[in-house]
């Protein structure tokens, strides 16, 4: 499942890269979101390997927070570029 998600993410990023109308702000926003996605994916992989359920749940929650922060940062970059 995770490989499918990563494959879809890579394919969508490649498709976005092929578009000629991207601004530097769009690229920065995409990169910020992609980095947070990678960090969150790594955290989820670590959580899957944990034997302590409480620690695994905490790590999964932290991964969700990292993902949300990346989305917020990307939104802020795009909003600042629009001003």
N, C-alpha and C. Protein backbone atom coordinates (compact mmCIF):
# COMPACT_ATOMS: atom_id res chain seq x y z
N UNK A 1 0.82 -1.19 0.00
CA UNK A 1 0.00 0.00 0.00
C UNK A 1 0.87 1.26 0.00
N UNK A 2 1.87 1.27 0.86
CA UNK A 2 2.73 2.45 0.95
C UNK A 2 3.51 2.65 -0.35
N UNK A 3 3.89 1.55 -0.98
CA UNK A 3 4.62 1.66 -2.23
C UNK A 3 3.73 2.27 -3.31
N UNK A 4 2.43 1.93 -3.28
CA UNK A 4 1.50 2.49 -4.25
C UNK A 4 1.36 3.99 -4.01
N UNK A 5 1.27 4.39 -2.75
CA UNK A 5 1.14 5.81 -2.42
C UNK A 5 2.40 6.56 -2.85
N UNK A 6 3.54 5.99 -2.53
CA UNK A 6 4.80 6.64 -2.94
C UNK A 6 4.91 6.72 -4.45
N UNK A 7 4.52 5.66 -5.14
CA UNK A 7 4.56 5.66 -6.60
C UNK A 7 3.64 6.73 -7.18
N UNK A 8 2.46 6.85 -6.60
CA UNK A 8 1.52 7.86 -7.06
C UNK A 8 2.05 9.26 -6.78
N UNK A 9 2.69 9.43 -5.61
CA UNK A 9 3.24 10.73 -5.26
C UNK A 9 4.37 11.10 -6.22
N UNK A 10 5.24 10.15 -6.52
CA UNK A 10 6.35 10.41 -7.43
C UNK A 10 5.81 10.72 -8.83
N UNK A 11 4.82 9.97 -9.26
CA UNK A 11 4.26 10.21 -10.58
C UNK A 11 3.61 11.59 -10.66
N UNK A 12 2.92 11.99 -9.60
CA UNK A 12 2.28 13.31 -9.62
C UNK A 12 3.32 14.42 -9.57
N UNK A 13 4.39 14.22 -8.81
CA UNK A 13 5.45 15.23 -8.78
C UNK A 13 6.14 15.33 -10.14
N UNK A 14 6.32 14.21 -10.80
CA UNK A 14 6.93 14.23 -12.12
C UNK A 14 6.01 14.94 -13.11
N UNK A 15 4.72 14.69 -13.00
CA UNK A 15 3.77 15.36 -13.88
C UNK A 15 3.77 16.86 -13.63
N UNK A 16 3.85 17.26 -12.37
CA UNK A 16 3.92 18.68 -12.05
C UNK A 16 5.21 19.29 -12.57
N UNK A 17 6.28 18.54 -12.49
CA UNK A 17 7.55 19.03 -12.99
C UNK A 17 7.55 19.23 -14.50
N UNK A 18 6.74 18.46 -15.19
CA UNK A 18 6.67 18.58 -16.64
C UNK A 18 5.89 19.82 -17.07
N UNK A 19 5.07 20.36 -16.19
CA UNK A 19 4.32 21.56 -16.50
C UNK A 19 5.27 22.75 -16.55
N UNK A 20 5.09 23.60 -17.53
CA UNK A 20 6.00 24.72 -17.72
C UNK A 20 5.64 25.95 -16.92
N UNK A 21 4.43 26.04 -16.35
CA UNK A 21 3.97 27.27 -15.73
C UNK A 21 4.24 27.40 -14.24
N UNK A 22 5.05 26.55 -13.68
CA UNK A 22 5.32 26.60 -12.25
C UNK A 22 6.21 27.78 -11.90
N UNK A 23 5.83 28.46 -10.83
CA UNK A 23 6.65 29.56 -10.34
C UNK A 23 7.63 29.02 -9.31
N UNK A 24 8.65 29.79 -8.97
CA UNK A 24 9.55 29.35 -7.91
C UNK A 24 8.83 29.11 -6.59
N UNK A 25 7.81 29.89 -6.30
CA UNK A 25 7.04 29.70 -5.07
C UNK A 25 6.29 28.37 -5.10
N UNK A 26 5.73 28.03 -6.27
CA UNK A 26 5.05 26.74 -6.41
C UNK A 26 6.02 25.59 -6.18
N UNK A 27 7.21 25.73 -6.76
CA UNK A 27 8.22 24.69 -6.58
C UNK A 27 8.63 24.57 -5.12
N UNK A 28 8.82 25.70 -4.45
CA UNK A 28 9.19 25.68 -3.04
C UNK A 28 8.09 25.05 -2.19
N UNK A 29 6.84 25.38 -2.51
CA UNK A 29 5.72 24.80 -1.77
C UNK A 29 5.65 23.29 -1.99
N UNK A 30 5.82 22.87 -3.24
CA UNK A 30 5.80 21.43 -3.54
C UNK A 30 6.94 20.71 -2.81
N UNK A 31 8.11 21.33 -2.80
CA UNK A 31 9.25 20.71 -2.11
C UNK A 31 9.02 20.61 -0.61
N UNK A 32 8.48 21.67 -0.01
CA UNK A 32 8.21 21.65 1.43
C UNK A 32 7.24 20.53 1.78
N UNK A 33 6.22 20.39 0.96
CA UNK A 33 5.23 19.34 1.22
C UNK A 33 5.83 17.95 0.99
N UNK A 34 6.64 17.80 -0.04
CA UNK A 34 7.25 16.51 -0.33
C UNK A 34 8.21 16.08 0.78
N UNK A 35 8.97 17.03 1.30
CA UNK A 35 9.90 16.71 2.40
C UNK A 35 9.13 16.25 3.62
N UNK A 36 8.05 16.96 3.96
CA UNK A 36 7.28 16.55 5.14
C UNK A 36 6.62 15.19 4.92
N UNK A 37 6.19 14.92 3.68
CA UNK A 37 5.61 13.61 3.38
C UNK A 37 6.64 12.50 3.58
N UNK A 38 7.87 12.74 3.12
CA UNK A 38 8.92 11.73 3.29
C UNK A 38 9.24 11.49 4.75
N UNK A 39 9.32 12.57 5.52
CA UNK A 39 9.60 12.43 6.96
C UNK A 39 8.46 11.66 7.63
N UNK A 40 7.22 12.02 7.31
CA UNK A 40 6.07 11.35 7.90
C UNK A 40 6.03 9.87 7.50
N UNK A 41 6.34 9.58 6.25
CA UNK A 41 6.37 8.18 5.81
C UNK A 41 7.41 7.38 6.59
N UNK A 42 8.59 7.98 6.81
CA UNK A 42 9.63 7.29 7.58
C UNK A 42 9.19 7.07 9.02
N UNK A 43 8.50 8.06 9.58
CA UNK A 43 8.01 7.90 10.96
C UNK A 43 6.98 6.78 11.04
N UNK A 44 6.11 6.69 10.04
CA UNK A 44 5.10 5.63 10.03
C UNK A 44 5.74 4.26 9.87
N UNK A 45 6.77 4.17 9.05
CA UNK A 45 7.50 2.91 8.92
C UNK A 45 8.11 2.51 10.25
N UNK A 46 8.68 3.47 10.96
CA UNK A 46 9.26 3.18 12.28
C UNK A 46 8.17 2.72 13.24
N UNK A 47 7.01 3.37 13.18
CA UNK A 47 5.90 2.99 14.07
C UNK A 47 5.45 1.56 13.79
N UNK A 48 5.44 1.18 12.52
CA UNK A 48 5.03 -0.18 12.16
C UNK A 48 5.97 -1.23 12.74
N UNK A 49 7.23 -0.85 12.98
CA UNK A 49 8.21 -1.79 13.51
C UNK A 49 8.29 -1.79 15.04
N UNK A 50 7.53 -0.92 15.68
CA UNK A 50 7.57 -0.83 17.14
C UNK A 50 6.73 -1.94 17.77
N UNK A 51 7.21 -2.43 18.91
CA UNK A 51 6.45 -3.45 19.63
C UNK A 51 5.56 -2.83 20.71
N UNK A 52 5.85 -1.62 21.13
CA UNK A 52 5.06 -0.92 22.14
C UNK A 52 3.94 -0.15 21.44
N UNK A 53 2.69 -0.55 21.69
CA UNK A 53 1.54 0.06 21.01
C UNK A 53 1.43 1.55 21.30
N UNK A 54 1.67 1.95 22.55
CA UNK A 54 1.55 3.36 22.91
C UNK A 54 2.58 4.20 22.16
N UNK A 55 3.79 3.71 22.08
CA UNK A 55 4.83 4.43 21.35
C UNK A 55 4.52 4.46 19.86
N UNK A 56 4.00 3.38 19.33
CA UNK A 56 3.64 3.33 17.91
C UNK A 56 2.53 4.34 17.61
N UNK A 57 1.53 4.39 18.48
CA UNK A 57 0.44 5.35 18.29
C UNK A 57 0.94 6.78 18.37
N UNK A 58 1.82 7.05 19.32
CA UNK A 58 2.38 8.40 19.45
C UNK A 58 3.18 8.77 18.21
N UNK A 59 3.91 7.83 17.67
CA UNK A 59 4.70 8.10 16.47
C UNK A 59 3.80 8.32 15.27
N UNK A 60 2.74 7.56 15.16
CA UNK A 60 1.77 7.77 14.08
C UNK A 60 1.14 9.16 14.18
N UNK A 61 0.79 9.57 15.41
CA UNK A 61 0.22 10.90 15.62
C UNK A 61 1.23 11.99 15.26
N UNK A 62 2.48 11.78 15.61
CA UNK A 62 3.52 12.74 15.26
C UNK A 62 3.70 12.82 13.75
N UNK A 63 3.59 11.69 13.08
CA UNK A 63 3.69 11.68 11.61
C UNK A 63 2.55 12.48 10.99
N UNK A 64 1.35 12.33 11.54
CA UNK A 64 0.21 13.12 11.05
C UNK A 64 0.46 14.61 11.25
N UNK A 65 1.05 14.96 12.39
CA UNK A 65 1.35 16.37 12.68
C UNK A 65 2.40 16.91 11.71
N UNK A 66 3.41 16.10 11.39
CA UNK A 66 4.44 16.52 10.44
C UNK A 66 3.81 16.74 9.06
N UNK A 67 2.94 15.84 8.67
CA UNK A 67 2.27 15.95 7.37
C UNK A 67 1.43 17.24 7.32
N UNK A 68 0.68 17.50 8.38
CA UNK A 68 -0.16 18.70 8.44
C UNK A 68 0.70 19.97 8.42
N UNK A 69 1.81 19.94 9.14
CA UNK A 69 2.71 21.10 9.16
C UNK A 69 3.28 21.37 7.77
N UNK A 70 3.60 20.32 7.05
CA UNK A 70 4.10 20.49 5.69
C UNK A 70 3.06 21.11 4.77
N UNK A 71 1.82 20.68 4.92
CA UNK A 71 0.74 21.26 4.13
C UNK A 71 0.54 22.73 4.49
N UNK A 72 0.60 23.04 5.78
CA UNK A 72 0.45 24.43 6.21
C UNK A 72 1.58 25.30 5.69
N UNK A 73 2.80 24.76 5.72
CA UNK A 73 3.94 25.52 5.21
C UNK A 73 3.80 25.76 3.71
N UNK A 74 3.37 24.75 2.98
CA UNK A 74 3.16 24.91 1.54
C UNK A 74 2.09 25.95 1.25
N UNK A 75 1.01 25.92 2.01
CA UNK A 75 -0.05 26.92 1.85
C UNK A 75 0.47 28.32 2.14
N UNK A 76 1.29 28.46 3.18
CA UNK A 76 1.84 29.77 3.54
C UNK A 76 2.77 30.28 2.45
N UNK A 77 3.57 29.40 1.87
CA UNK A 77 4.49 29.81 0.79
C UNK A 77 3.68 30.32 -0.40
N UNK A 78 2.64 29.59 -0.76
CA UNK A 78 1.81 29.99 -1.90
C UNK A 78 1.06 31.27 -1.60
N UNK A 79 0.58 31.44 -0.37
CA UNK A 79 -0.15 32.66 0.00
C UNK A 79 0.77 33.87 -0.03
N UNK A 80 2.00 33.71 0.45
CA UNK A 80 2.96 34.82 0.43
C UNK A 80 3.34 35.19 -1.00
N UNK A 81 3.37 34.24 -1.89
CA UNK A 81 3.74 34.51 -3.27
C UNK A 81 2.60 35.26 -3.99
N UNK A 82 1.38 35.02 -3.55
CA UNK A 82 0.22 35.65 -4.19
C UNK A 82 0.09 37.12 -3.78
N UNK A 83 0.72 37.51 -2.71
CA UNK A 83 0.58 38.89 -2.23
C UNK A 83 1.38 39.85 -3.04
